[in-house]
């Protein structure tokens, strides 16, 4: 691997780490929605009328969206640090093989098939897309719950 290819790999790894770091506002917005939904559930905990049970169900559904939010937030933060670390290596292939071996030893990855850096960067982009989808669903559920609360 020549020096241009090495610098391109390092650039791709650093760029992917920066892209993953840029998803922090989306994560924070998801956590803010989680807190709003927690507050709404606590306010609606009083004796429930006919419509309030429905509204509570909507807010509870929005709270359940916090489970994938936790997973994607942790996974994105882990991948951010991993790409930053991979970007520091001179040889991409050696770094990726050692990284896969370490993940296998920690039982964080079962397969030892090695993917190239481009495939890993695409998977990281997919993680951010999935996080955005989860937060969007959470936002819609929260808005629907607030609207339903005012209608009921």
Protein backbone atom coordinates (compact mmCIF):
# COMPACT_ATOMS: atom_id res chain seq x y z
CA UNK A 1 0.00 0.00 0.00
CA UNK A 2 1.53 3.29 -1.07
CA UNK A 3 1.47 6.52 0.90
CA UNK A 4 -1.48 7.99 -1.05
CA UNK A 5 -3.65 4.96 -0.30
CA UNK A 6 -2.62 5.09 3.37
CA UNK A 7 -3.51 8.76 3.63
CA UNK A 8 -6.86 8.10 1.88
CA UNK A 9 -7.64 5.35 4.40
CA UNK A 10 -6.67 7.58 7.29
CA UNK A 11 -8.78 10.38 5.83
CA UNK A 12 -11.79 8.06 5.41
CA UNK A 13 -11.43 6.80 8.99
CA UNK A 14 -11.11 10.33 10.40
CA UNK A 15 -13.99 11.59 8.28
CA UNK A 16 -16.21 8.73 9.43
CA UNK A 17 -15.29 9.40 13.06
CA UNK A 18 -16.18 13.07 12.58
CA UNK A 19 -19.46 12.13 10.90
CA UNK A 20 -20.36 9.87 13.81
CA UNK A 21 -19.48 12.65 16.26
CA UNK A 22 -21.79 15.01 14.36
CA UNK A 23 -24.77 12.83 15.34
CA UNK A 24 -24.51 14.05 18.94
CA UNK A 25 -27.28 16.69 18.54
CA UNK A 26 -29.64 13.99 17.25
CA UNK A 27 -28.82 11.85 20.27
CA UNK A 28 -29.35 14.77 22.64
CA UNK A 29 -32.70 15.57 21.03
CA UNK A 30 -33.73 11.93 21.53
CA UNK A 31 -32.78 12.13 25.20
CA UNK A 32 -34.68 15.39 25.57
CA UNK A 33 -37.76 13.73 24.09
CA UNK A 34 -37.27 10.86 26.51
CA UNK A 35 -37.30 13.29 29.44
CA UNK A 36 -40.39 15.05 28.11
CA UNK A 37 -42.17 11.71 27.75
CA UNK A 38 -41.14 10.69 31.27
CA UNK A 39 -42.59 13.94 32.59
CA UNK A 40 -45.80 13.41 30.64
CA UNK A 41 -46.18 9.89 32.01
CA UNK A 42 -45.67 11.17 35.55
CA UNK A 43 -48.25 13.91 35.05
CA UNK A 44 -50.77 11.45 33.64
CA UNK A 45 -50.21 8.96 36.46
CA UNK A 46 -53.24 10.33 38.31
CA UNK A 47 -56.55 8.44 38.06
CA UNK A 48 -57.05 7.90 34.38
CA UNK A 49 -60.15 8.97 32.53
CA UNK A 50 -61.36 7.31 29.37
CA UNK A 51 -59.07 9.20 26.98
CA UNK A 52 -56.10 9.58 29.28
CA UNK A 53 -55.29 5.87 29.15
CA UNK A 54 -54.93 6.21 25.39
CA UNK A 55 -52.68 9.26 25.77
CA UNK A 56 -50.59 7.45 28.39
CA UNK A 57 -50.17 4.57 25.95
CA UNK A 58 -48.82 6.94 23.31
CA UNK A 59 -46.30 8.46 25.73
CA UNK A 60 -45.33 4.98 26.95
CA UNK A 61 -44.70 3.95 23.32
CA UNK A 62 -42.45 6.98 22.94
CA UNK A 63 -40.60 5.91 26.10
CA UNK A 64 -40.03 2.46 24.61
CA UNK A 65 -38.20 4.15 21.74
CA UNK A 66 -35.47 4.94 24.28
CA UNK A 67 -34.26 1.34 24.13
CA UNK A 68 -33.01 1.53 20.54
CA UNK A 69 -31.84 5.08 21.30
CA UNK A 70 -29.55 3.71 24.02
CA UNK A 71 -28.19 1.01 21.70
CA UNK A 72 -27.54 3.33 18.76
CA UNK A 73 -26.01 6.04 20.97
CA UNK A 74 -23.58 3.60 22.57
CA UNK A 75 -22.77 1.93 19.27
CA UNK A 76 -22.16 5.23 17.50
CA UNK A 77 -19.88 6.45 20.30
CA UNK A 78 -17.94 3.15 20.19
CA UNK A 79 -17.59 3.31 16.41
CA UNK A 80 -16.52 6.95 16.61
CA UNK A 81 -13.59 6.02 18.85
CA UNK A 82 -12.83 2.93 16.76
CA UNK A 83 -12.61 4.90 13.50
CA UNK A 84 -10.45 7.54 15.18
CA UNK A 85 -8.13 4.76 16.37
CA UNK A 86 -8.05 3.04 12.97
CA UNK A 87 -7.19 6.37 11.34
CA UNK A 88 -3.98 6.51 13.40
CA UNK A 89 -2.59 3.27 11.95
CA UNK A 90 -0.32 3.28 8.91
CA UNK A 91 -1.55 -0.02 7.48
CA UNK A 92 -5.33 -0.28 7.14
CA UNK A 93 -5.40 -4.05 6.61
CA UNK A 94 -3.33 -4.81 9.69
CA UNK A 95 -5.37 -2.38 11.80
CA UNK A 96 -8.68 -3.87 10.69
CA UNK A 97 -7.51 -7.44 11.26
CA UNK A 98 -6.25 -6.59 14.74
CA UNK A 99 -9.47 -4.70 15.48
CA UNK A 100 -11.62 -7.66 14.36
CA UNK A 101 -9.51 -10.04 16.44
CA UNK A 102 -9.89 -7.83 19.51
CA UNK A 103 -13.67 -7.63 18.99
CA UNK A 104 -13.79 -11.40 18.66
CA UNK A 105 -11.78 -11.89 21.86
CA UNK A 106 -14.17 -9.58 23.72
CA UNK A 107 -17.14 -11.50 22.27
CA UNK A 108 -18.41 -8.33 20.61
CA UNK A 109 -18.24 -9.89 17.17
CA UNK A 110 -18.76 -13.52 16.27
CA UNK A 111 -17.43 -13.67 12.71
CA UNK A 112 -13.84 -13.17 11.71
CA UNK A 113 -14.64 -12.14 8.13
CA UNK A 114 -12.77 -8.97 7.47
CA UNK A 115 -14.56 -6.05 5.84
CA UNK A 116 -12.70 -3.22 4.25
CA UNK A 117 -12.83 0.32 5.58
CA UNK A 118 -15.35 1.48 2.97
CA UNK A 119 -17.88 -1.19 4.03
CA UNK A 120 -17.39 -0.20 7.67
CA UNK A 121 -17.90 3.48 6.84
CA UNK A 122 -21.15 2.62 5.03
CA UNK A 123 -22.30 0.62 8.05
CA UNK A 124 -21.51 3.59 10.30
CA UNK A 125 -23.59 5.84 8.05
CA UNK A 126 -26.40 3.31 8.31
CA UNK A 127 -26.21 3.50 12.11
CA UNK A 128 -26.72 7.26 12.03
CA UNK A 129 -29.65 6.83 9.63
CA UNK A 130 -31.27 4.32 11.97
CA UNK A 131 -30.70 6.62 14.95
CA UNK A 132 -32.34 9.47 13.04
CA UNK A 133 -35.31 7.25 12.22
CA UNK A 134 -35.72 6.22 15.89
CA UNK A 135 -35.63 9.84 17.06
CA UNK A 136 -38.08 10.86 14.31
CA UNK A 137 -40.54 8.15 15.40
CA UNK A 138 -40.07 9.21 19.02
CA UNK A 139 -40.75 12.83 18.04
CA UNK A 140 -43.93 11.94 16.13
CA UNK A 141 -45.19 9.82 19.04
CA UNK A 142 -44.47 12.65 21.47
CA UNK A 143 -46.27 15.20 19.30
CA UNK A 144 -49.20 12.85 18.86
CA UNK A 145 -49.35 12.29 22.62
CA UNK A 146 -49.30 16.01 23.35
CA UNK A 147 -51.98 16.65 20.71
CA UNK A 148 -54.13 13.80 22.05
CA UNK A 149 -53.77 15.08 25.59
CA UNK A 150 -55.10 18.49 24.59
CA UNK A 151 -57.93 16.98 22.53
CA UNK A 152 -59.02 14.61 25.33
